[in-house]
C-alpha atoms as a PDB file:
ATOM      1  CA  MET A   1    -132.357  21.131-140.807  1.00  0.00           C
ATOM      2  CA  ASN A   2    -133.063  18.415-138.261  1.00  0.00           C
ATOM      3  CA  LYS A   3    -130.777  16.079-136.311  1.00  0.00           C
ATOM      4  CA  LYS A   4    -130.802  13.362-139.017  1.00  0.00           C
ATOM      5  CA  GLU A   5    -129.893  15.825-141.771  1.00  0.00           C
ATOM      6  CA  PHE A   6    -127.155  17.406-139.599  1.00  0.00           C
ATOM      7  CA  LEU A   7    -125.536  14.022-138.924  1.00  0.00           C
ATOM      8  CA  HIS A   8    -125.853  13.015-142.598  1.00  0.00           C
ATOM      9  CA  ILE A   9    -124.123  16.233-143.800  1.00  0.00           C
ATOM     10  CA  LEU A  10    -121.430  15.773-141.140  1.00  0.00           C
ATOM     11  CA  GLU A  11    -120.877  12.174-142.258  1.00  0.00           C
ATOM     12  CA  MET A  12    -120.571  13.232-145.920  1.00  0.00           C
ATOM     13  CA  SER A  13    -118.121  16.007-144.967  1.00  0.00           C
ATOM     14  CA  LEU A  14    -115.970  13.455-143.131  1.00  0.00           C
ATOM     15  CA  SER A  15    -115.762  11.129-146.167  1.00  0.00           C
ATOM     16  CA  ASP A  16    -111.952  11.431-146.344  1.00  0.00           C
ATOM     17  CA  PHE A  17    -111.547  10.293-142.707  1.00  0.00           C
ATOM     18  CA  LYS A  18    -110.874   6.722-141.639  1.00  0.00           C
ATOM     19  CA  ASP A  19    -113.998   4.758-140.687  1.00  0.00           C
ATOM     20  CA  GLU A  20    -113.001   4.525-137.025  1.00  0.00           C
ATOM     21  CA  GLU A  21    -112.402   8.272-136.735  1.00  0.00           C
ATOM     22  CA  LYS A  22    -115.638   9.040-138.569  1.00  0.00           C
ATOM     23  CA  LYS A  23    -117.675   6.721-136.305  1.00  0.00           C
ATOM     24  CA  GLU A  24    -116.098   8.254-133.215  1.00  0.00           C
ATOM     25  CA  ILE A  25    -116.908  11.816-134.307  1.00  0.00           C
ATOM     26  CA  LEU A  26    -120.478  10.934-135.284  1.00  0.00           C
ATOM     27  CA  TYR A  27    -120.993   9.088-131.998  1.00  0.00           C
ATOM     28  CA  ASP A  28    -119.832  12.210-130.080  1.00  0.00           C
ATOM     29  CA  TYR A  29    -122.396  14.364-131.878  1.00  0.00           C
ATOM     30  CA  GLU A  30    -125.199  11.808-131.430  1.00  0.00           C
ATOM     31  CA  GLU A  31    -124.382  11.849-127.708  1.00  0.00           C
ATOM     32  CA  HIS A  32    -124.438  15.643-127.758  1.00  0.00           C
ATOM     33  CA  PHE A  33    -127.954  15.556-129.228  1.00  0.00           C
ATOM     34  CA  ARG A  34    -129.108  12.875-126.763  1.00  0.00           C
ATOM     35  CA  ILE A  35    -127.840  14.780-123.705  1.00  0.00           C
ATOM     36  CA  GLY A  36    -129.214  18.081-125.028  1.00  0.00           C
ATOM     37  CA  GLU A  37    -132.674  16.564-125.592  1.00  0.00           C
ATOM     38  CA  GLN A  38    -132.611  15.108-122.056  1.00  0.00           C
ATOM     39  CA  ASN A  39    -131.923  18.626-120.783  1.00  0.00           C
ATOM     40  CA  GLY A  40    -134.992  19.912-122.607  1.00  0.00           C
ATOM     41  CA  LYS A  41    -133.383  21.501-125.672  1.00  0.00           C
ATOM     42  CA  SER A  42    -134.882  21.115-129.125  1.00  0.00           C
ATOM     43  CA  GLU A  43    -133.020  19.773-132.160  1.00  0.00           C
ATOM     44  CA  TYR A  44    -133.100  23.251-133.687  1.00  0.00           C
ATOM     45  CA  GLU A  45    -131.433  24.809-130.585  1.00  0.00           C
ATOM     46  CA  LEU A  46    -128.749  22.134-130.523  1.00  0.00           C
ATOM     47  CA  ILE A  47    -127.987  22.538-134.246  1.00  0.00           C
ATOM     48  CA  LYS A  48    -127.746  26.299-133.763  1.00  0.00           C
ATOM     49  CA  GLU A  49    -125.240  25.759-130.905  1.00  0.00           C
ATOM     50  CA  LEU A  50    -123.127  23.328-132.927  1.00  0.00           C
ATOM     51  CA  GLY A  51    -123.011  25.350-136.129  1.00  0.00           C
ATOM     52  CA  ASP A  52    -122.463  24.248-139.720  1.00  0.00           C
ATOM     53  CA  PRO A  53    -121.506  20.533-140.053  1.00  0.00           C
ATOM     54  CA  ASN A  54    -119.138  21.364-142.933  1.00  0.00           C
ATOM     55  CA  ASN A  55    -117.227  23.784-140.680  1.00  0.00           C
ATOM     56  CA  ILE A  56    -117.070  21.113-137.974  1.00  0.00           C
ATOM     57  CA  ALA A  57    -115.544  18.644-140.456  1.00  0.00           C
ATOM     58  CA  ASN A  58    -113.004  21.295-141.573  1.00  0.00           C
ATOM     59  CA  GLN A  59    -112.011  21.905-137.950  1.00  0.00           C
ATOM     60  CA  TYR A  60    -111.379  18.183-137.458  1.00  0.00           C
ATOM     61  CA  ARG A  61    -109.410  18.109-140.709  1.00  0.00           C
ATOM     62  CA  THR A  62    -107.211  21.040-139.602  1.00  0.00           C
ATOM     63  CA  SER A  63    -106.680  19.419-136.231  1.00  0.00           C
ATOM     64  CA  ASN A  64    -105.629  16.147-137.887  1.00  0.00           C
ATOM     65  CA  LYS A  65    -103.132  17.964-140.148  1.00  0.00           C
ATOM     66  CA  GLN A  66    -101.525  19.657-137.145  1.00  0.00           C
ATOM     67  CA  GLU A  67    -101.274  16.343-135.302  1.00  0.00           C
ATOM     68  CA  ASN A  68     -99.766  14.662-138.370  1.00  0.00           C
ATOM     69  CA  ASN A  69     -97.206  17.460-138.788  1.00  0.00           C
ATOM     70  CA  GLN A  70     -96.266  17.247-135.117  1.00  0.00           C
ATOM     71  CA  GLY A  71     -96.073  13.449-135.357  1.00  0.00           C
ATOM     72  CA  SER A  72     -93.772  13.562-138.393  1.00  0.00           C
ATOM     73  CA  LYS A  73     -91.535  16.096-136.617  1.00  0.00           C
ATOM     74  CA  ASN A  74     -91.360  13.847-133.549  1.00  0.00           C
ATOM     75  CA  ARG A  75     -90.624  10.834-135.743  1.00  0.00           C
ATOM     76  CA  ALA A  76     -87.776  12.731-137.419  1.00  0.00           C
ATOM     77  CA  GLU A  77     -86.326  13.534-133.994  1.00  0.00           C
ATOM     78  CA  GLU A  78     -86.797   9.915-132.920  1.00  0.00           C
ATOM     79  CA  ASP A  79     -85.080   8.642-136.078  1.00  0.00           C
ATOM     80  CA  ASN A  80     -81.940  10.692-135.297  1.00  0.00           C
ATOM     81  CA  PRO A  81     -81.987  11.068-131.499  1.00  0.00           C
ATOM     82  CA  ILE A  82     -78.201  11.147-131.182  1.00  0.00           C
ATOM     83  CA  ILE A  83     -77.397  13.826-133.776  1.00  0.00           C
ATOM     84  CA  VAL A  84     -78.616  16.843-131.766  1.00  0.00           C
ATOM     85  CA  PRO A  85     -76.694  15.912-128.578  1.00  0.00           C
ATOM     86  CA  ILE A  86     -73.525  15.219-130.617  1.00  0.00           C
ATOM     87  CA  ILE A  87     -73.721  18.610-132.328  1.00  0.00           C
ATOM     88  CA  ALA A  88     -74.462  20.333-129.002  1.00  0.00           C
ATOM     89  CA  THR A  89     -71.570  18.508-127.306  1.00  0.00           C
ATOM     90  CA  CYS A  90     -69.101  19.427-130.061  1.00  0.00           C
ATOM     91  CA  GLY A  91     -70.198  23.060-130.031  1.00  0.00           C
ATOM     92  CA  LEU A  92     -69.975  23.299-126.254  1.00  0.00           C
ATOM     93  CA  LEU A  93     -66.595  21.542-126.226  1.00  0.00           C
ATOM     94  CA  PHE A  94     -65.208  24.061-128.711  1.00  0.00           C
ATOM     95  CA  PHE A  95     -66.731  27.031-126.851  1.00  0.00           C
ATOM     96  CA  ASN A  96     -65.580  25.834-123.422  1.00  0.00           C
ATOM     97  CA  LEU A  97     -62.099  24.909-124.620  1.00  0.00           C
ATOM     98  CA  PHE A  98     -61.352  28.198-126.375  1.00  0.00           C
ATOM     99  CA  PHE A  99     -63.362  30.758-124.409  1.00  0.00           C
ATOM    100  CA  ILE A 100     -64.088  29.415-120.916  1.00  0.00           C
ATOM    101  CA  LEU A 101     -61.202  27.131-119.890  1.00  0.00           C
ATOM    102  CA  GLY A 102     -58.468  29.827-119.823  1.00  0.00           C
ATOM    103  CA  PRO A 103     -60.341  32.346-117.659  1.00  0.00           C
ATOM    104  CA  TYR A 104     -61.703  29.527-115.487  1.00  0.00           C
ATOM    105  CA  LEU A 105     -58.218  28.145-114.768  1.00  0.00           C
ATOM    106  CA  GLY A 106     -56.966  31.693-114.138  1.00  0.00           C
ATOM    107  CA  ILE A 107     -59.703  32.336-111.570  1.00  0.00           C
ATOM    108  CA  ALA A 108     -59.179  28.906-109.972  1.00  0.00           C
ATOM    109  CA  GLY A 109     -55.410  29.558-109.735  1.00  0.00           C
ATOM    110  CA  THR A 110     -56.007  32.985-108.168  1.00  0.00           C
ATOM    111  CA  ILE A 111     -58.382  31.488-105.593  1.00  0.00           C
ATOM    112  CA  ILE A 112     -55.870  28.755-104.702  1.00  0.00           C
ATOM    113  CA  GLY A 113     -53.086  31.364-104.424  1.00  0.00           C
ATOM    114  CA  LEU A 114     -55.172  33.607-102.143  1.00  0.00           C
ATOM    115  CA  PHE A 115     -56.184  30.583-100.059  1.00  0.00           C
ATOM    116  CA  CYS A 116     -52.491  29.699 -99.573  1.00  0.00           C
ATOM    117  CA  ALA A 117     -51.714  33.356 -98.773  1.00  0.00           C
ATOM    118  CA  ALA A 118     -54.382  33.333 -96.042  1.00  0.00           C
ATOM    119  CA  ILE A 119     -52.846  30.188 -94.521  1.00  0.00           C
ATOM    120  CA  GLY A 120     -49.368  31.772 -94.780  1.00  0.00           C
ATOM    121  CA  ILE A 121     -50.546  34.883 -92.910  1.00  0.00           C
ATOM    122  CA  ILE A 122     -52.033  32.713 -90.144  1.00  0.00           C
ATOM    123  CA  ILE A 123     -48.775  30.736 -89.857  1.00  0.00           C
ATOM    124  CA  ALA A 124     -46.761  33.979 -89.745  1.00  0.00           C
ATOM    125  CA  GLY A 125     -48.957  35.362 -86.947  1.00  0.00           C
ATOM    126  CA  VAL A 126     -48.807  32.160 -84.889  1.00  0.00           C
ATOM    127  CA  GLY A 127     -45.047  31.959 -85.521  1.00  0.00           C
ATOM    128  CA  ALA A 128     -44.529  35.525 -84.262  1.00  0.00           C
ATOM    129  CA  ILE A 129     -46.446  34.709 -81.066  1.00  0.00           C
ATOM    130  CA  LEU A 130     -44.549  31.431 -80.481  1.00  0.00           C
ATOM    131  CA  VAL A 131     -41.132  32.953 -81.184  1.00  0.00           C
ATOM    132  CA  THR A 132     -41.804  35.786 -78.753  1.00  0.00           C
ATOM    133  CA  ILE A 133     -43.050  33.443 -76.032  1.00  0.00           C
ATOM    134  CA  LEU A 134     -40.135  30.993 -76.498  1.00  0.00           C
ATOM    135  CA  SER A 135     -37.380  33.656 -76.786  1.00  0.00           C
ATOM    136  CA  PRO A 136     -36.561  33.727 -73.029  1.00  0.00           C
ATOM    137  CA  PHE A 137     -36.076  29.923 -73.075  1.00  0.00           C
ATOM    138  CA  PHE A 138     -33.811  29.872 -76.141  1.00  0.00           C
ATOM    139  CA  PRO A 139     -31.813  33.135 -76.010  1.00  0.00           C
ATOM    140  CA  LEU A 140     -29.014  31.748 -78.202  1.00  0.00           C
ATOM    141  CA  TYR A 141     -31.362  30.801 -81.071  1.00  0.00           C
ATOM    142  CA  ILE A 142     -34.058  33.463 -80.871  1.00  0.00           C
ATOM    143  CA  GLY A 143     -33.043  37.050 -80.545  1.00  0.00           C
ATOM    144  CA  ILE A 144     -35.403  39.986 -80.273  1.00  0.00           C
ATOM    145  CA  PRO A 145     -33.860  43.309 -81.322  1.00  0.00           C
ATOM    146  CA  ASN A 146     -33.399  45.920 -78.634  1.00  0.00           C
ATOM    147  CA  GLY A 147     -36.073  48.566 -78.351  1.00  0.00           C
ATOM    148  CA  ILE A 148     -38.907  46.290 -79.494  1.00  0.00           C
ATOM    149  CA  SER A 149     -41.434  45.336 -76.846  1.00  0.00           C
ATOM    150  CA  ILE A 150     -42.220  41.630 -76.387  1.00  0.00           C
ATOM    151  CA  PHE A 151     -45.817  42.601 -75.655  1.00  0.00           C
ATOM    152  CA  GLY A 152     -45.965  44.575 -78.934  1.00  0.00           C
ATOM    153  CA  ILE A 153     -44.696  41.595 -80.925  1.00  0.00           C
ATOM    154  CA  ILE A 154     -47.308  39.315 -79.312  1.00  0.00           C
ATOM    155  CA  LEU A 155     -50.071  41.813 -80.164  1.00  0.00           C
ATOM    156  CA  LEU A 156     -48.715  42.060 -83.713  1.00  0.00           C
ATOM    157  CA  GLY A 157     -48.768  38.242 -83.947  1.00  0.00           C
ATOM    158  CA  ILE A 158     -52.360  38.105 -82.647  1.00  0.00           C
ATOM    159  CA  GLY A 159     -53.424  40.803 -85.116  1.00  0.00           C
ATOM    160  CA  THR A 160     -51.699  39.024 -88.001  1.00  0.00           C
ATOM    161  CA  THR A 161     -53.319  35.711 -87.035  1.00  0.00           C
ATOM    162  CA  ALA A 162     -56.760  37.362 -86.807  1.00  0.00           C
ATOM    163  CA  LEU A 163     -56.217  39.005 -90.208  1.00  0.00           C
ATOM    164  CA  GLY A 164     -55.216  35.632 -91.685  1.00  0.00           C
ATOM    165  CA  LEU A 165     -58.296  33.944 -90.172  1.00  0.00           C
ATOM    166  CA  LEU A 166     -60.613  36.620 -91.595  1.00  0.00           C
ATOM    167  CA  PHE A 167     -58.884  36.295 -94.946  1.00  0.00           C
ATOM    168  CA  LEU A 168     -59.297  32.482 -94.780  1.00  0.00           C
ATOM    169  CA  ILE A 169     -63.017  32.784 -93.913  1.00  0.00           C
ATOM    170  CA  GLY A 170     -63.498  35.181 -96.825  1.00  0.00           C
ATOM    171  CA  MET A 171     -61.721  32.775 -99.162  1.00  0.00           C
ATOM    172  CA  CYS A 172     -63.966  29.921 -97.955  1.00  0.00           C
ATOM    173  CA  TYR A 173     -66.997  31.979 -99.081  1.00  0.00           C
ATOM    174  CA  VAL A 174     -65.308  32.741-102.406  1.00  0.00           C
ATOM    175  CA  CYS A 175     -64.600  28.999-102.886  1.00  0.00           C
ATOM    176  CA  LYS A 176     -68.211  28.162-102.022  1.00  0.00           C
ATOM    177  CA  TYR A 177     -69.621  30.580-104.637  1.00  0.00           C
ATOM    178  CA  PHE A 178     -67.021  29.522-107.199  1.00  0.00           C
ATOM    179  CA  TYR A 179     -68.051  25.882-106.670  1.00  0.00           C
ATOM    180  CA  LYS A 180     -71.776  26.740-106.964  1.00  0.00           C
ATOM    181  CA  GLY A 181     -71.131  28.713-110.152  1.00  0.00           C
ATOM    182  CA  THR A 182     -69.146  25.804-111.602  1.00  0.00           C
ATOM    183  CA  VAL A 183     -71.945  23.335-110.826  1.00  0.00           C
ATOM    184  CA  LYS A 184     -74.577  25.650-112.367  1.00  0.00           C
ATOM    185  CA  TYR A 185     -72.470  26.078-115.505  1.00  0.00           C
ATOM    186  CA  ILE A 186     -71.972  22.311-115.834  1.00  0.00           C
ATOM    187  CA  ASN A 187     -75.731  21.713-115.352  1.00  0.00           C
ATOM    188  CA  TRP A 188     -76.481  24.366-118.000  1.00  0.00           C
ATOM    189  CA  ASN A 189     -74.128  22.540-120.399  1.00  0.00           C
ATOM    190  CA  LEU A 190     -75.859  19.227-119.667  1.00  0.00           C
ATOM    191  CA  LYS A 191     -79.297  20.771-120.289  1.00  0.00           C
ATOM    192  CA  ILE A 192     -78.130  22.062-123.672  1.00  0.00           C
ATOM    193  CA  ILE A 193     -76.753  18.643-124.585  1.00  0.00           C
ATOM    194  CA  LYS A 194     -80.051  16.998-123.578  1.00  0.00           C
ATOM    195  CA  GLY A 195     -81.943  19.620-125.617  1.00  0.00           C
ATOM    196  CA  ARG A 196     -83.914  21.173-122.712  1.00  0.00           C
ATOM    197  CA  TRP A 197     -82.615  24.740-122.742  1.00  0.00           C
END
């Protein structure tokens, strides 16, 4: 088989293709022969490299079927672009409402309660220090029981304040991670709705 016969068989095998596609494929193979001959290869060597023209046509046919199937799938998605996000939104709404919202609000309430407790401990510590310092100036209003050292109460107030501050710092970290987790969960929900999970 020579170049002319190869191209003729290929053209006959591509008879079910559109004229434009057929011309484009044949042009590619004519170019392949031209470049190969410029590089010193014979027609026989080039035909051996390319293989059977019928197989080449079948490969193009298979490729076209896959592209058509993919195109029809994409067209179906384009025809109903809103249905998938609506279904995803409804499903996520149901899931979040019945399974996530309760525990989420419980955790959020606990964090707020612990945050307030940390502030309360700080206020109690500062109050103990202030009351002890101001007791000599207001003996009628502030009374310290006998046998309790003023210095001991001040140290207790400082310790309580320090404990409250540490507790508050810890709660700030908890709030930070809770916020990050919430944002990640919301972004995950949005990705599902957009269909990019």
